[in-house]
Amino acid sequence: MEPIHLQEGPVAVRPLFSQDAPLLLRWMTDPRVLAFYGGRDLRFTPEKVQEEFYTPEQGVRRCLVEFEGIPVGYIQIYPLDEELCREYHYPHRKEELAFGIDQFLGEPALWGKHIGRRFLSLVLHHLTQQEGAAAVILDPHADNFRALRCYEACGFRKIQFLPAHELHEGVWEDCWLMEYRPAPSA
């Protein structure tokens, strides 16, 4: 898979670089971020950041999100295969290209300013229009109402409730499987 370099106005998405590791460590030690991504019970060290964000995985593209030239978040994009589809309880259609994404804004001061909507819309447009994706999925916690509103505003729809889907801070959390499909061309 080709690296992603996207920009629209003040929002950009670029590949993750090794020099971004200290920034990831700062974000992954902020309890406000961990409350929604990973869990506050995780203990990130420089070594754990390397393991979690820099260990190569087949097809996974890890990117930094920038706003006005300043790094503000993270997104990873990966093609869905049969195994991932089983994990997500998502029908695997061999004839369709589909991606899963995980993301967060690491700067809590910027939450609620629609930056998530802007960078997700940019990524969704790229994946569907440039790479030919038929669908993009994600699985937010059912109680993460800010994220759910953001995803719905970007065109995702809830397609399946996933009870006790993700272990988060020692508790199995309910999630929603959400899907984005581009509008059919007229």
Protein backbone atom coordinates (compact mmCIF):
# COMPACT_ATOMS: atom_id res chain seq x y z
CA MET A 1 0.00 0.00 0.00
CA GLU A 2 1.19 3.45 -0.87
CA PRO A 3 1.81 5.99 1.92
CA ILE A 4 -0.89 8.59 2.33
CA HIS A 5 -0.19 12.30 1.86
CA LEU A 6 -3.39 14.37 1.93
CA GLN A 7 -4.15 18.02 2.48
CA GLU A 8 -7.23 20.18 2.28
CA GLY A 9 -7.03 23.65 3.73
CA PRO A 10 -5.51 23.54 7.21
CA VAL A 11 -5.95 19.76 7.58
CA ALA A 12 -3.28 17.30 6.46
CA VAL A 13 -2.67 13.57 6.84
CA ARG A 14 0.87 12.30 6.38
CA PRO A 15 2.86 9.15 7.14
CA LEU A 16 4.06 8.63 10.68
CA PHE A 17 7.81 9.27 11.03
CA SER A 18 10.28 8.03 13.64
CA GLN A 19 10.70 11.58 14.96
CA ASP A 20 6.98 11.58 15.88
CA ALA A 21 7.57 9.04 18.68
CA PRO A 22 7.98 11.62 21.51
CA LEU A 23 4.69 13.22 20.48
CA LEU A 24 2.93 9.84 20.49
CA LEU A 25 4.38 9.16 23.93
CA ARG A 26 2.97 12.48 25.20
CA TRP A 27 -0.47 11.68 23.79
CA MET A 28 -0.40 8.08 25.04
CA THR A 29 0.40 9.20 28.58
CA ASP A 30 -2.40 11.78 28.70
CA PRO A 31 -5.29 10.26 30.69
CA ARG A 32 -7.79 12.39 28.74
CA VAL A 33 -6.71 10.70 25.50
CA LEU A 34 -6.37 7.23 27.05
CA ALA A 35 -9.92 7.46 28.40
CA PHE A 36 -11.05 7.00 24.79
CA TYR A 37 -8.11 5.28 23.07
CA GLY A 38 -6.41 2.35 24.71
CA GLY A 39 -7.33 2.92 28.34
CA ARG A 40 -5.89 4.80 31.30
CA ASP A 41 -4.57 1.53 32.72
CA LEU A 42 -2.02 1.25 29.89
CA ARG A 43 1.51 2.30 30.72
CA PHE A 44 3.25 3.69 27.68
CA THR A 45 7.02 3.99 27.61
CA PRO A 46 9.23 4.89 24.65
CA GLU A 47 9.63 1.14 24.04
CA LYS A 48 5.87 0.53 24.12
CA VAL A 49 5.32 3.38 21.66
CA GLN A 50 7.83 1.72 19.32
CA GLU A 51 6.08 -1.63 19.71
CA GLU A 52 2.53 -0.30 19.26
CA PHE A 53 3.06 2.31 16.56
CA TYR A 54 6.21 1.35 14.68
CA THR A 55 6.18 -2.45 14.43
CA PRO A 56 5.42 -3.16 10.76
CA GLU A 57 2.12 -4.92 10.09
CA GLN A 58 1.05 -6.13 6.65
CA GLY A 59 -1.03 -3.44 4.95
CA VAL A 60 -1.29 -1.10 7.96
CA ARG A 61 -0.66 2.55 7.18
CA ARG A 62 -0.01 4.72 10.21
CA CYS A 63 -0.40 8.45 9.80
CA LEU A 64 -0.25 11.68 11.71
CA VAL A 65 -2.99 14.27 11.40
CA GLU A 66 -1.94 17.90 11.26
CA PHE A 67 -3.98 21.06 11.67
CA GLU A 68 -2.43 24.31 10.52
CA GLY A 69 0.92 22.51 10.23
CA ILE A 70 0.87 21.23 13.83
CA PRO A 71 0.47 17.50 14.64
CA VAL A 72 -2.84 16.97 16.43
CA GLY A 73 -3.79 13.31 15.99
CA TYR A 74 -3.23 9.84 14.69
CA ILE A 75 -4.98 7.50 12.27
CA GLN A 76 -4.22 3.97 11.14
CA ILE A 77 -5.76 2.46 8.04
CA TYR A 78 -5.78 -1.24 7.20
CA PRO A 79 -7.44 -3.42 4.58
CA LEU A 80 -10.05 -5.79 5.90
CA ASP A 81 -9.33 -9.45 5.40
CA GLU A 82 -11.42 -12.48 6.33
CA GLU A 83 -9.95 -12.70 9.85
CA LEU A 84 -10.60 -9.03 10.66
CA CYS A 85 -14.11 -9.31 9.27
CA ARG A 86 -14.78 -12.20 11.66
CA GLU A 87 -13.42 -10.16 14.57
CA TYR A 88 -15.68 -7.23 13.66
CA HIS A 89 -18.68 -9.48 12.82
CA TYR A 90 -18.63 -7.82 9.41
CA PRO A 91 -19.54 -9.71 6.23
CA HIS A 92 -16.43 -10.43 4.17
CA ARG A 93 -17.01 -9.69 0.50
CA LYS A 94 -14.01 -10.80 -1.52
CA GLU A 95 -15.13 -8.70 -4.48
CA GLU A 96 -15.10 -5.48 -2.43
CA LEU A 97 -12.15 -3.50 -1.11
CA ALA A 98 -12.89 -2.40 2.46
CA PHE A 99 -10.78 -0.73 5.14
CA GLY A 100 -10.85 -0.44 8.89
CA ILE A 101 -9.63 2.70 10.63
CA ASP A 102 -8.69 3.69 14.16
CA GLN A 103 -7.95 7.27 15.11
CA PHE A 104 -7.77 9.84 17.85
CA LEU A 105 -7.11 13.52 18.36
CA GLY A 106 -4.25 13.78 20.84
CA GLU A 107 -4.80 17.44 21.71
CA PRO A 108 -7.82 17.68 24.03
CA ALA A 109 -7.90 21.49 23.65
CA LEU A 110 -8.94 20.90 20.03
CA TRP A 111 -11.76 18.45 20.77
CA GLY A 112 -15.17 19.67 19.68
CA LYS A 113 -13.77 21.94 16.95
CA HIS A 114 -14.74 19.61 14.05
CA ILE A 115 -11.14 18.75 13.19
CA GLY A 116 -12.03 15.05 13.41
CA ARG A 117 -14.79 15.53 10.86
CA ARG A 118 -12.44 17.36 8.54
CA PHE A 119 -9.61 14.83 8.56
CA LEU A 120 -11.97 11.84 8.43
CA SER A 121 -13.82 13.29 5.46
CA LEU A 122 -10.48 13.81 3.72
CA VAL A 123 -9.40 10.21 4.41
CA LEU A 124 -12.79 8.76 3.42
CA HIS A 125 -12.77 10.67 0.14
CA HIS A 126 -9.25 9.43 -0.61
CA LEU A 127 -9.99 5.79 0.24
CA THR A 128 -13.20 5.64 -1.77
CA GLN A 129 -12.37 7.92 -4.70
CA GLN A 130 -8.64 7.28 -5.16
CA GLU A 131 -8.21 3.74 -3.87
CA GLY A 132 -11.61 2.32 -4.82
CA ALA A 133 -12.82 1.30 -1.36
CA ALA A 134 -16.43 0.18 -1.27
CA ALA A 135 -16.62 0.56 2.52
CA VAL A 136 -14.74 1.80 5.58
CA ILE A 137 -15.56 0.57 9.08
CA LEU A 138 -14.75 1.47 12.65
CA ASP A 139 -15.93 0.31 16.09
CA PRO A 140 -16.23 3.11 18.68
CA HIS A 141 -17.32 2.50 22.25
CA ALA A 142 -21.08 2.80 22.53
CA ASP A 143 -20.73 5.45 25.24
CA ASN A 144 -18.33 7.70 23.29
CA PHE A 145 -21.06 10.07 22.18
CA ARG A 146 -18.72 12.77 20.82
CA ALA A 147 -17.04 10.22 18.52
CA LEU A 148 -20.39 8.74 17.45
CA ARG A 149 -21.67 12.22 16.48
CA CYS A 150 -18.46 12.89 14.53
CA TYR A 151 -18.65 9.59 12.65
CA GLU A 152 -22.33 10.02 11.83
CA ALA A 153 -21.64 13.56 10.58
CA CYS A 154 -19.01 12.04 8.23
CA GLY A 155 -21.56 9.60 6.80
CA PHE A 156 -20.95 6.49 8.92
CA ARG A 157 -24.00 4.57 10.02
CA LYS A 158 -24.40 2.12 12.85
CA ILE A 159 -24.81 -1.35 11.41
CA GLN A 160 -24.38 -3.65 14.41
CA PHE A 161 -24.21 -3.39 18.19
CA LEU A 162 -21.21 -5.32 19.53
CA PRO A 163 -21.79 -6.20 23.20
CA ALA A 164 -18.67 -6.66 25.36
CA HIS A 165 -16.50 -6.20 22.26
CA GLU A 166 -13.35 -4.48 23.57
CA LEU A 167 -11.43 -4.79 26.82
CA HIS A 168 -10.92 -1.24 28.07
CA GLU A 169 -9.62 -0.42 31.54
CA GLY A 170 -10.42 -3.92 32.76
CA VAL A 171 -14.03 -3.89 31.54
CA TRP A 172 -15.47 -5.40 28.37
CA GLU A 173 -17.00 -2.39 26.62
CA ASP A 174 -19.93 -2.37 24.22
CA CYS A 175 -19.13 -0.94 20.79
CA TRP A 176 -20.94 -0.02 17.63
CA LEU A 177 -19.78 -1.36 14.31
CA MET A 178 -20.15 1.59 11.96
CA GLU A 179 -19.81 1.60 8.19
CA TYR A 180 -19.20 4.29 5.61
CA ARG A 181 -20.17 3.67 2.02
CA PRO A 182 -19.91 6.41 -0.58
CA ALA A 183 -23.11 7.62 -2.17
CA PRO A 184 -23.76 5.94 -5.52
CA SER A 185 -22.72 8.02 -8.52
CA ALA A 186 -25.59 9.57 -10.43
